[in-house]
Protein backbone atom coordinates (compact mmCIF):
# COMPACT_ATOMS: atom_id res chain seq x y z
CA UNK A 1 -3.90 0.50 2.39
CA UNK A 2 -7.21 2.28 1.89
CA UNK A 3 -9.27 4.04 -0.74
CA UNK A 4 -8.19 7.55 -1.75
CA UNK A 5 -10.93 10.09 -2.58
CA UNK A 6 -9.53 12.48 -5.17
CA UNK A 7 -10.46 16.06 -5.80
CA UNK A 8 -12.26 15.59 -9.10
CA UNK A 9 -13.68 17.92 -11.75
CA UNK A 10 -15.92 16.43 -14.42
CA UNK A 11 -16.91 18.36 -17.55
CA UNK A 12 -19.33 17.00 -20.14
CA UNK A 13 -19.24 18.22 -23.76
CA UNK A 14 -22.50 17.57 -25.62
CA UNK A 15 -23.38 17.87 -29.33
CA UNK A 16 -26.60 19.96 -29.40
CA UNK A 17 -29.00 20.96 -32.17
CA UNK A 18 -29.52 24.77 -32.41
CA UNK A 19 -32.76 26.78 -32.61
CA UNK A 20 -34.76 27.11 -35.82
CA UNK A 21 -34.53 29.97 -38.36
CA UNK A 22 -35.00 33.54 -37.15
CA UNK A 23 -38.57 34.21 -36.12
CA UNK A 24 -39.46 30.56 -35.81
CA UNK A 25 -40.41 28.90 -32.60
CA UNK A 26 -37.41 27.75 -30.57
CA UNK A 27 -37.27 23.99 -30.20
CA UNK A 28 -35.61 22.20 -27.29
CA UNK A 29 -32.03 21.13 -28.02
CA UNK A 30 -31.53 17.48 -28.73
CA UNK A 31 -28.44 15.38 -28.22
CA UNK A 32 -26.93 14.38 -31.54
CA UNK A 33 -24.03 12.43 -30.10
CA UNK A 34 -23.08 10.74 -26.89
CA UNK A 35 -21.47 13.16 -24.39
CA UNK A 36 -17.71 13.20 -23.91
CA UNK A 37 -16.36 13.66 -20.39
CA UNK A 38 -13.10 15.26 -19.28
CA UNK A 39 -11.82 14.39 -15.81
CA UNK A 40 -9.21 16.32 -13.86
CA UNK A 41 -8.06 16.08 -10.29
CA UNK A 42 -5.30 16.25 -7.72
CA UNK A 43 -3.28 13.69 -5.77
CA UNK A 44 -2.65 9.98 -5.77
CA UNK A 45 -3.26 7.49 -2.97
CA UNK A 46 -5.72 7.39 -0.10
CA UNK A 47 -4.68 10.77 1.33
CA UNK A 48 -4.37 9.71 4.97
CA UNK A 49 -1.24 10.29 7.04
CA UNK A 50 2.13 11.04 5.43
CA UNK A 51 2.32 12.24 1.84
CA UNK A 52 5.52 10.74 0.45
CA UNK A 53 6.08 13.45 -2.15
CA UNK A 54 5.23 15.99 0.52
CA UNK A 55 7.84 14.48 2.85
CA UNK A 56 10.37 14.65 0.02
CA UNK A 57 9.48 18.30 -0.52
CA UNK A 58 9.86 19.10 3.17
CA UNK A 59 13.25 17.35 3.21
CA UNK A 60 14.34 19.49 0.27
CA UNK A 61 13.38 22.54 2.33
CA UNK A 62 15.60 21.51 5.23
CA UNK A 63 13.16 19.66 7.49
CA UNK A 64 14.53 16.76 9.55
CA UNK A 65 12.76 13.40 9.53
CA UNK A 66 11.34 13.77 13.05
CA UNK A 67 9.83 17.14 12.20
CA UNK A 68 8.33 15.67 9.03
CA UNK A 69 6.85 12.73 10.91
CA UNK A 70 5.33 14.92 13.63
CA UNK A 71 3.83 17.23 11.02
CA UNK A 72 1.86 14.46 9.34
CA UNK A 73 0.92 12.63 12.56
CA UNK A 74 -0.37 15.47 14.71
CA UNK A 75 0.48 15.25 18.40
CA UNK A 76 2.52 12.05 18.03
CA UNK A 77 5.90 11.29 19.58
CA UNK A 78 8.79 9.08 18.51
CA UNK A 79 10.15 6.28 20.70
CA UNK A 80 11.61 2.78 20.62
CA UNK A 81 9.63 -0.12 19.18
CA UNK A 82 8.27 -2.68 21.66
CA UNK A 83 8.83 -5.50 19.14
CA UNK A 84 12.13 -6.50 17.54
CA UNK A 85 11.06 -9.25 15.12
CA UNK A 86 8.24 -9.82 12.63
CA UNK A 87 6.87 -12.75 10.64
CA UNK A 88 6.25 -11.93 6.99
CA UNK A 89 4.03 -14.15 4.85
CA UNK A 90 5.96 -14.96 1.67
CA UNK A 91 4.00 -17.92 0.25
CA UNK A 92 0.40 -18.36 1.32
CA UNK A 93 -0.14 -21.83 -0.09
CA UNK A 94 1.93 -24.04 -2.40
CA UNK A 95 2.55 -27.69 -3.06
CA UNK A 96 6.28 -27.13 -3.08
CA UNK A 97 8.86 -24.37 -2.73
CA UNK A 98 12.60 -24.19 -3.35
CA UNK A 99 14.79 -23.20 -0.39
CA UNK A 100 18.48 -22.79 -1.14
CA UNK A 101 21.77 -21.58 0.27
CA UNK A 102 25.28 -21.26 -1.16
CA UNK A 103 26.69 -22.30 2.22
CA UNK A 104 25.60 -24.95 4.77
CA UNK A 105 22.37 -24.21 6.62
CA UNK A 106 20.22 -25.78 9.31
CA UNK A 107 16.65 -27.00 9.64
CA UNK A 108 14.90 -27.13 13.00
CA UNK A 109 11.83 -29.35 13.36
CA UNK A 110 8.78 -29.07 15.63
CA UNK A 111 10.54 -30.83 18.50
CA UNK A 112 13.40 -28.33 18.48
CA UNK A 113 15.87 -30.84 17.02
CA UNK A 114 18.47 -29.23 14.77
CA UNK A 115 19.60 -30.89 11.56
CA UNK A 116 22.57 -29.80 9.44
CA UNK A 117 22.06 -29.36 5.70
CA UNK A 118 24.70 -29.08 3.02
CA UNK A 119 24.76 -26.11 0.68
CA UNK A 120 22.34 -26.51 -2.20
CA UNK A 121 18.69 -26.27 -3.14
CA UNK A 122 15.93 -28.24 -1.43
CA UNK A 123 12.43 -28.93 -2.67
CA UNK A 124 10.21 -28.47 0.37
CA UNK A 125 6.63 -29.65 0.44
CA UNK A 126 4.28 -31.16 3.00
CA UNK A 127 6.44 -34.27 3.45
CA UNK A 128 10.02 -33.03 3.70
CA UNK A 129 12.45 -35.82 4.57
CA UNK A 130 15.87 -35.32 6.09
CA UNK A 131 18.93 -37.42 5.39
CA UNK A 132 21.94 -36.95 7.68
CA UNK A 133 24.77 -35.78 5.36
CA UNK A 134 27.38 -37.13 7.82
CA UNK A 135 25.97 -40.67 7.75
CA UNK A 136 25.94 -42.26 4.27
CA UNK A 137 24.05 -45.29 5.63
CA UNK A 138 21.20 -43.26 7.12
CA UNK A 139 17.79 -43.40 5.48
CA UNK A 140 15.72 -40.25 4.84
CA UNK A 141 13.23 -39.62 7.65
CA UNK A 142 10.20 -37.32 7.64
CA UNK A 143 10.52 -34.35 9.98
CA UNK A 144 7.60 -33.06 12.09
CA UNK A 145 6.22 -29.65 11.07
CA UNK A 146 6.55 -26.72 11.37
CA UNK A 147 10.11 -26.55 10.06
CA UNK A 148 12.45 -23.59 10.26
CA UNK A 149 15.27 -23.23 7.75
CA UNK A 150 17.99 -21.11 9.31
CA UNK A 151 20.86 -19.53 7.37
CA UNK A 152 24.50 -20.22 8.05
CA UNK A 153 27.01 -17.59 6.97
CA UNK A 154 24.93 -16.36 4.06
CA UNK A 155 21.27 -15.59 3.43
CA UNK A 156 18.84 -18.25 2.27
CA UNK A 157 16.69 -17.89 -0.84
CA UNK A 158 13.08 -18.79 -1.48
CA UNK A 159 12.24 -19.64 -5.08
CA UNK A 160 15.38 -17.80 -6.15
CA UNK A 161 14.92 -14.58 -4.12
CA UNK A 162 17.13 -13.88 -1.11
CA UNK A 163 15.74 -12.81 2.26
CA UNK A 164 17.30 -12.04 5.59
CA UNK A 165 16.27 -14.09 8.60
CA UNK A 166 14.88 -17.63 8.43
CA UNK A 167 12.03 -19.43 6.69
CA UNK A 168 9.32 -21.09 8.75
CA UNK A 169 7.42 -23.72 6.77
CA UNK A 170 3.92 -24.50 8.05
CA UNK A 171 1.95 -27.49 6.86
CA UNK A 172 -1.48 -26.77 5.36
CA UNK A 173 -3.49 -29.97 5.20
CA UNK A 174 -1.97 -33.09 3.69
CA UNK A 175 -0.40 -31.59 0.57
CA UNK A 176 0.44 -27.88 0.88
CA UNK A 177 2.74 -25.56 2.80
CA UNK A 178 2.89 -21.91 3.86
CA UNK A 179 6.22 -20.08 4.09
CA UNK A 180 6.84 -17.27 6.59
CA UNK A 181 9.98 -15.14 6.82
CA UNK A 182 11.00 -14.68 10.47
CA UNK A 183 13.22 -11.60 10.44
CA UNK A 184 14.48 -8.80 12.67
CA UNK A 185 12.29 -5.70 12.34
CA UNK A 186 15.01 -3.45 10.97
CA UNK A 187 16.24 -6.10 8.52
CA UNK A 188 12.66 -6.35 7.30
CA UNK A 189 12.65 -2.55 6.86
CA UNK A 190 15.70 -2.81 4.59
CA UNK A 191 13.49 -4.58 2.04
CA UNK A 192 10.47 -2.32 2.63
CA UNK A 193 11.73 1.27 2.47
CA UNK A 194 13.21 1.09 -1.07
CA UNK A 195 10.07 -0.75 -2.18
CA UNK A 196 7.82 2.06 -0.91
CA UNK A 197 9.92 5.17 -1.66
CA UNK A 198 12.53 5.86 -4.39
CA UNK A 199 16.01 5.17 -3.04
CA UNK A 200 17.37 8.33 -4.69
CA UNK A 201 15.27 10.68 -2.56
CA UNK A 202 16.66 12.94 0.17
CA UNK A 203 17.92 11.09 3.26
CA UNK A 204 15.56 12.87 5.68
CA UNK A 205 12.57 11.77 3.58
CA UNK A 206 13.89 8.18 3.57
CA UNK A 207 14.29 8.34 7.36
CA UNK A 208 10.70 9.56 7.71
CA UNK A 209 9.59 6.67 5.50
CA UNK A 210 11.55 4.21 7.66
CA UNK A 211 9.86 5.43 10.85
CA UNK A 212 6.42 5.41 9.22
CA UNK A 213 6.89 1.94 7.70
CA UNK A 214 8.23 0.48 10.95
CA UNK A 215 5.27 1.93 12.86
CA UNK A 216 2.75 0.80 10.27
CA UNK A 217 4.00 -2.77 10.49
CA UNK A 218 3.72 -2.90 14.29
CA UNK A 219 0.30 -1.23 14.34
CA UNK A 220 -1.14 -3.72 11.82
CA UNK A 221 0.04 -7.09 13.11
CA UNK A 222 -2.29 -9.90 12.09
CA UNK A 223 -3.51 -12.57 14.44
CA UNK A 224 -3.78 -16.19 13.36
CA UNK A 225 -2.27 -17.87 10.34
CA UNK A 226 1.23 -17.95 11.80
CA UNK A 227 2.31 -14.58 10.36
CA UNK A 228 2.22 -10.88 11.25
CA UNK A 229 2.29 -8.94 7.96
CA UNK A 230 1.67 -9.44 4.26
CA UNK A 231 4.53 -8.71 1.81
CA UNK A 232 2.45 -6.57 -0.56
CA UNK A 233 0.03 -3.65 -0.61
CA UNK A 234 -2.29 -5.42 1.80
CA UNK A 235 0.31 -4.13 4.28
CA UNK A 236 3.62 -2.93 2.80
CA UNK A 237 5.66 -4.00 -0.20
CA UNK A 238 8.61 -6.16 0.90
CA UNK A 239 10.96 -7.35 -1.84
CA UNK A 240 13.83 -8.78 0.16
CA UNK A 241 17.58 -8.49 -0.40
CA UNK A 242 17.55 -7.84 -4.19
CA UNK A 243 15.73 -4.55 -3.63
CA UNK A 244 17.90 -3.22 -0.79
CA UNK A 245 19.96 -0.07 -1.40
CA UNK A 246 22.74 1.68 0.58
CA UNK A 247 20.74 4.92 0.90
CA UNK A 248 17.64 3.29 2.36
CA UNK A 249 19.66 0.95 4.56
CA UNK A 250 21.38 4.06 5.97
CA UNK A 251 17.95 5.57 6.67
CA UNK A 252 16.84 2.41 8.47
CA UNK A 253 20.05 2.28 10.51
CA UNK A 254 19.89 5.97 11.40
CA UNK A 255 16.38 5.52 12.84
CA UNK A 256 16.99 2.06 14.32
CA UNK A 257 13.93 0.81 16.20
CA UNK A 258 12.12 4.16 16.13
CA UNK A 259 8.34 4.18 15.83
CA UNK A 260 5.54 6.72 16.17
CA UNK A 261 3.52 6.69 19.41
CA UNK A 262 0.30 8.36 20.41
CA UNK A 263 -0.57 8.17 24.11
CA UNK A 264 1.72 5.19 24.62
CA UNK A 265 0.45 3.12 21.70
CA UNK A 266 2.12 2.60 18.33
CA UNK A 267 0.26 4.79 15.85
CA UNK A 268 -1.35 3.60 12.63
CA UNK A 269 1.00 5.54 10.38
CA UNK A 270 -0.76 5.43 7.03
CA UNK A 271 1.19 6.89 4.14
CA UNK A 272 0.54 7.47 0.44
CA UNK A 273 1.98 9.15 -2.64
CA UNK A 274 0.54 12.63 -3.20
CA UNK A 275 -2.06 14.76 -1.42
CA UNK A 276 -2.61 17.45 -4.02
CA UNK A 277 -1.89 20.15 -1.42
CA UNK A 278 -3.58 18.93 1.75
CA UNK A 279 -3.88 15.54 3.45
CA UNK A 280 -7.16 13.97 4.57
CA UNK A 281 -8.44 13.18 8.01
CA UNK A 282 -9.74 9.74 8.89
CA UNK A 283 -13.29 11.13 8.93
CA UNK A 284 -12.84 12.55 5.44
CA UNK A 285 -12.41 9.01 4.20
CA UNK A 286 -14.76 7.33 6.64
CA UNK A 287 -17.42 9.79 7.87
CA UNK A 288 -18.78 7.30 10.41
CA UNK A 289 -15.37 6.65 11.94
CA UNK A 290 -14.55 8.12 15.35
CA UNK A 291 -11.89 10.85 15.16
CA UNK A 292 -8.23 9.83 15.37
CA UNK A 293 -6.31 12.83 16.80
CA UNK A 294 -3.09 12.12 14.92
CA UNK A 295 -4.83 11.44 11.58
CA UNK A 296 -6.20 14.88 10.79
CA UNK A 297 -5.99 17.04 7.68
CA UNK A 298 -2.78 19.10 7.46
CA UNK A 299 -1.36 21.40 4.77
CA UNK A 300 1.03 19.79 2.33
CA UNK A 301 2.50 22.66 0.28
CA UNK A 302 5.59 20.93 -1.11
CA UNK A 303 4.00 17.93 -2.80
CA UNK A 304 3.71 20.14 -5.88
CA UNK A 305 6.90 18.38 -7.03
CA UNK A 306 4.82 15.25 -7.61
CA UNK A 307 3.75 14.36 -11.17
CA UNK A 308 0.38 13.48 -9.60
CA UNK A 309 -0.14 16.84 -7.84
CA UNK A 310 -2.40 17.77 -10.76
CA UNK A 311 -3.62 15.31 -13.35
CA UNK A 312 -5.86 15.45 -16.36
CA UNK A 313 -7.91 16.38 -18.12
CA UNK A 314 -8.43 12.86 -19.42
CA UNK A 315 -11.02 12.22 -22.09
CA UNK A 316 -13.70 9.54 -21.67
CA UNK A 317 -16.48 8.52 -23.96
CA UNK A 318 -19.83 8.10 -22.29
CA UNK A 319 -19.63 4.37 -22.89
CA UNK A 320 -16.23 3.99 -21.24
CA UNK A 321 -17.17 6.13 -18.23
CA UNK A 322 -20.46 4.27 -17.88
CA UNK A 323 -18.54 1.00 -17.63
CA UNK A 324 -16.30 2.47 -14.93
CA UNK A 325 -19.26 3.81 -12.91
CA UNK A 326 -21.35 0.70 -13.63
CA UNK A 327 -24.17 2.87 -14.91
CA UNK A 328 -27.45 0.97 -15.28
CA UNK A 329 -28.20 2.67 -18.61
CA UNK A 330 -26.90 5.08 -21.26
CA UNK A 331 -24.87 7.75 -19.49
CA UNK A 332 -26.05 11.33 -20.03
CA UNK A 333 -24.44 13.39 -17.27
CA UNK A 334 -22.05 13.10 -14.32
CA UNK A 335 -21.28 15.78 -11.76
CA UNK A 336 -19.41 16.00 -8.49
CA UNK A 337 -21.61 16.35 -5.44
CA UNK A 338 -20.00 17.80 -2.30
CA UNK A 339 -23.33 18.35 -0.59
CA UNK A 340 -23.54 14.71 0.44
CA UNK A 341 -20.87 15.50 3.01
CA UNK A 342 -20.19 19.23 3.15
CA UNK A 343 -17.67 18.94 6.01
CA UNK A 344 -15.47 16.60 3.99
CA UNK A 345 -15.50 18.93 0.99
CA UNK A 346 -14.47 21.87 3.19
CA UNK A 347 -11.98 20.28 5.56
CA UNK A 348 -10.12 18.27 2.95
CA UNK A 349 -9.72 21.23 0.61
CA UNK A 350 -11.83 19.85 -2.24
CA UNK A 351 -11.81 16.06 -1.92
CA UNK A 352 -14.73 14.49 -3.70
CA UNK A 353 -16.86 12.14 -1.64
CA UNK A 354 -19.69 11.27 -4.01
CA UNK A 355 -20.62 11.66 -7.64
CA UNK A 356 -24.07 11.59 -9.19
CA UNK A 357 -24.73 10.23 -12.65
CA UNK A 358 -27.87 10.41 -14.76
CA UNK A 359 -28.74 7.59 -17.10
CA UNK A 360 -31.78 7.79 -19.40
CA UNK A 361 -34.09 9.56 -17.02
CA UNK A 362 -33.03 7.88 -13.81
CA UNK A 363 -30.55 9.24 -11.29
CA UNK A 364 -28.42 7.27 -8.90
CA UNK A 365 -26.32 8.99 -6.22
CA UNK A 366 -23.91 7.99 -3.55
CA UNK A 367 -21.20 6.23 -5.51
CA UNK A 368 -17.98 6.67 -3.62
CA UNK A 369 -14.91 8.28 -5.14
CA UNK A 370 -13.36 4.85 -5.51
CA UNK A 371 -15.46 4.56 -8.65
CA UNK A 372 -13.86 7.69 -10.04
CA UNK A 373 -10.47 6.46 -8.95
CA UNK A 374 -10.82 3.30 -10.96
CA UNK A 375 -11.89 5.34 -13.98
CA UNK A 376 -8.75 7.48 -13.54
CA UNK A 377 -6.48 4.43 -13.43
CA UNK A 378 -8.12 2.78 -16.42
CA UNK A 379 -7.86 5.79 -18.69
């Protein structure tokens, strides 16, 4: 959902030539080999809002979901969602998709006319034609778009994957279609929560995730394109019926319709994996951003259970690290540089904002921590 600045420590090990024999004039050390860098750090994710491992830790220490939510979103309240249905983009653009049902279903065209369909699989493109199954003499006729395929007594599938709700098929030009899942908000959450948090975690943590995910969806609705949210990390991961689990469905049901509010507006409830001990504020990530009162840095003592609480040291050759930092020349040295934004370094408990690297006599500063993050992932 956004870029996570890690707390990073970089150490360079250099092969140096020693001084001359005793009594001789000392000569400057020279580099015999390329430096090797070791990178360590804390946390995983962008650091803003709710730490998922931290929420799990709080749940293990007896905190209820509402207390967890209010800890990470300072000054927020919990209330009922103003929206009960969302439109999820499943297929952005395709020549044809397969929509199927094991039981009879229905297609509704742009005029509102309803047409019965037998159970089976239908190839749907930009020129879908309908043949009345009750009239053997009828000829197939093209239906006006958009079309909405509505389930009967069982869920419909798209390209083999089942989803709750209906499929709205929009025509894109003369030859392609877009498919949008129109689904009740809490049924959508059934496919989101287990995709964003392990289903085996404590129930109170899963409830906190349900409230955060529900709020995030409603605070990031898209305009235009005929859909509200993406089904992946551009918004939240949504994997439909195959990924649902009893534990996460219970968490969704137990918090039915609940979202986070701040001063009467649904809050932007960012969440991420691991803070490394303290979350970030919005200005830690974006120094030029105005403050957001409910997105401030808070202690996160129980995310120490995360495998990403501490990571490293990971070894990098100068060549590999240079590629990751896009160094303009042979890499000689890299060091963290908190002075570019001292307030971020202090408030966030050690998050790195910039790094400086030296390459064959020239220095370039101001590379954001996203560079270091990519190096960490590509180890």
